[in-house]
Amino acid sequence: MRYINAKSILPKEVLKLIQKYADGEYLYIPRIEGEEKSWGEKNGTKSRLIKRDKEIYEEYQKGYTYADLSAAYFLSVKSIQRIVSKEKNMY
């Protein structure tokens, strides 16, 4: 998470009011309700994992074993089984 100096974005009146309650403290300002992003959306991790899981399932359908996929993707056999099961239920 990257921090922004409140002085650079807030009006002086708002900054003084916040300082009254949390002078010098770190604050988390939550997103507006309904505008939240789920895990991995901001940095693309979620979409990369969705793509990877689809690739794993496609390779499994081509005949690759759980052990083959485990070695290729550096995941445990159990993780590969979970991914294949999840993808299978999606189709």
Protein backbone atom coordinates (compact mmCIF):
# COMPACT_ATOMS: atom_id res chain seq x y z
CA MET A 1 0.00 0.00 0.00
CA ARG A 2 1.31 3.39 -0.91
CA TYR A 3 0.84 6.42 1.32
CA ILE A 4 -0.10 9.90 0.18
CA ASN A 5 0.60 12.98 2.26
CA ALA A 6 -2.82 14.33 3.26
CA LYS A 7 -1.43 17.87 3.04
CA SER A 8 -1.05 17.42 -0.73
CA ILE A 9 -4.68 16.41 -1.39
CA LEU A 10 -6.96 17.68 1.40
CA PRO A 11 -8.22 21.22 1.94
CA LYS A 12 -6.63 22.91 4.96
CA GLU A 13 -9.92 22.90 6.91
CA VAL A 14 -10.36 19.14 6.46
CA LEU A 15 -6.72 18.48 7.36
CA LYS A 16 -7.04 20.52 10.59
CA LEU A 17 -10.19 18.60 11.53
CA ILE A 18 -8.48 15.24 10.97
CA GLN A 19 -5.43 16.42 12.95
CA LYS A 20 -7.76 17.19 15.85
CA TYR A 21 -8.64 13.47 16.08
CA ALA A 22 -5.56 11.69 14.73
CA ASP A 23 -2.59 14.05 14.83
CA GLY A 24 0.38 12.31 13.20
CA GLU A 25 -1.28 8.87 13.11
CA TYR A 26 -1.59 6.65 10.05
CA LEU A 27 -5.17 6.39 8.83
CA TYR A 28 -6.83 4.03 6.42
CA ILE A 29 -9.54 5.73 4.41
CA PRO A 30 -11.90 3.06 3.08
CA ARG A 31 -13.25 3.23 -0.44
CA ILE A 32 -16.76 4.54 -1.02
CA GLU A 33 -19.28 1.78 -0.45
CA GLY A 34 -19.90 -0.03 -3.71
CA GLU A 35 -16.57 1.14 -5.18
CA GLU A 36 -14.43 -1.44 -3.39
CA LYS A 37 -12.08 -3.61 -5.43
CA SER A 38 -11.74 -7.24 -4.56
CA TRP A 39 -8.44 -8.92 -3.85
CA GLY A 40 -5.98 -8.81 -6.75
CA GLU A 41 -7.97 -6.54 -9.05
CA LYS A 42 -5.77 -3.48 -8.69
CA ASN A 43 -2.44 -5.14 -9.51
CA GLY A 44 -3.72 -7.81 -11.93
CA THR A 45 -2.94 -10.80 -9.70
CA LYS A 46 -6.52 -12.05 -9.82
CA SER A 47 -6.67 -12.05 -13.63
CA ARG A 48 -3.27 -13.78 -13.88
CA LEU A 49 -4.42 -16.55 -11.52
CA ILE A 50 -7.68 -17.00 -13.44
CA LYS A 51 -5.68 -17.36 -16.67
CA ARG A 52 -3.21 -19.76 -15.03
CA ASP A 53 -5.97 -21.95 -13.61
CA LYS A 54 -7.66 -22.14 -17.01
CA GLU A 55 -4.35 -23.16 -18.61
CA ILE A 56 -3.85 -25.85 -15.97
CA TYR A 57 -7.30 -27.25 -16.63
CA GLU A 58 -6.79 -27.22 -20.42
CA GLU A 59 -3.48 -29.06 -20.05
CA TYR A 60 -5.13 -31.56 -17.69
CA GLN A 61 -7.77 -32.21 -20.36
CA LYS A 62 -4.98 -32.83 -22.89
CA GLY A 63 -3.71 -35.66 -20.70
CA TYR A 64 -1.10 -34.10 -18.45
CA THR A 65 -1.06 -35.74 -15.01
CA TYR A 66 -1.38 -33.97 -11.69
CA ALA A 67 2.32 -34.64 -11.11
CA ASP A 68 3.25 -33.13 -14.50
CA LEU A 69 1.25 -30.00 -13.78
CA SER A 70 2.56 -29.79 -10.24
CA ALA A 71 6.13 -29.71 -11.50
CA ALA A 72 5.39 -27.31 -14.35
CA TYR A 73 3.55 -24.75 -12.22
CA PHE A 74 5.51 -25.21 -8.98
CA LEU A 75 2.33 -26.09 -7.07
CA SER A 76 1.50 -29.06 -4.89
CA VAL A 77 -0.44 -31.96 -6.38
CA LYS A 78 -3.25 -31.10 -3.95
CA SER A 79 -3.38 -27.53 -5.32
CA ILE A 80 -3.52 -28.82 -8.89
CA GLN A 81 -6.35 -31.19 -7.94
CA ARG A 82 -8.25 -28.31 -6.32
CA ILE A 83 -7.80 -26.11 -9.42
CA VAL A 84 -8.88 -28.88 -11.80
CA SER A 85 -11.94 -29.62 -9.67
CA LYS A 86 -12.89 -25.94 -9.50
CA GLU A 87 -12.45 -25.44 -13.25
CA LYS A 88 -14.35 -28.64 -14.01
CA ASN A 89 -17.33 -27.32 -12.06
CA MET A 90 -17.27 -24.08 -14.05
CA TYR A 91 -17.94 -25.83 -17.37
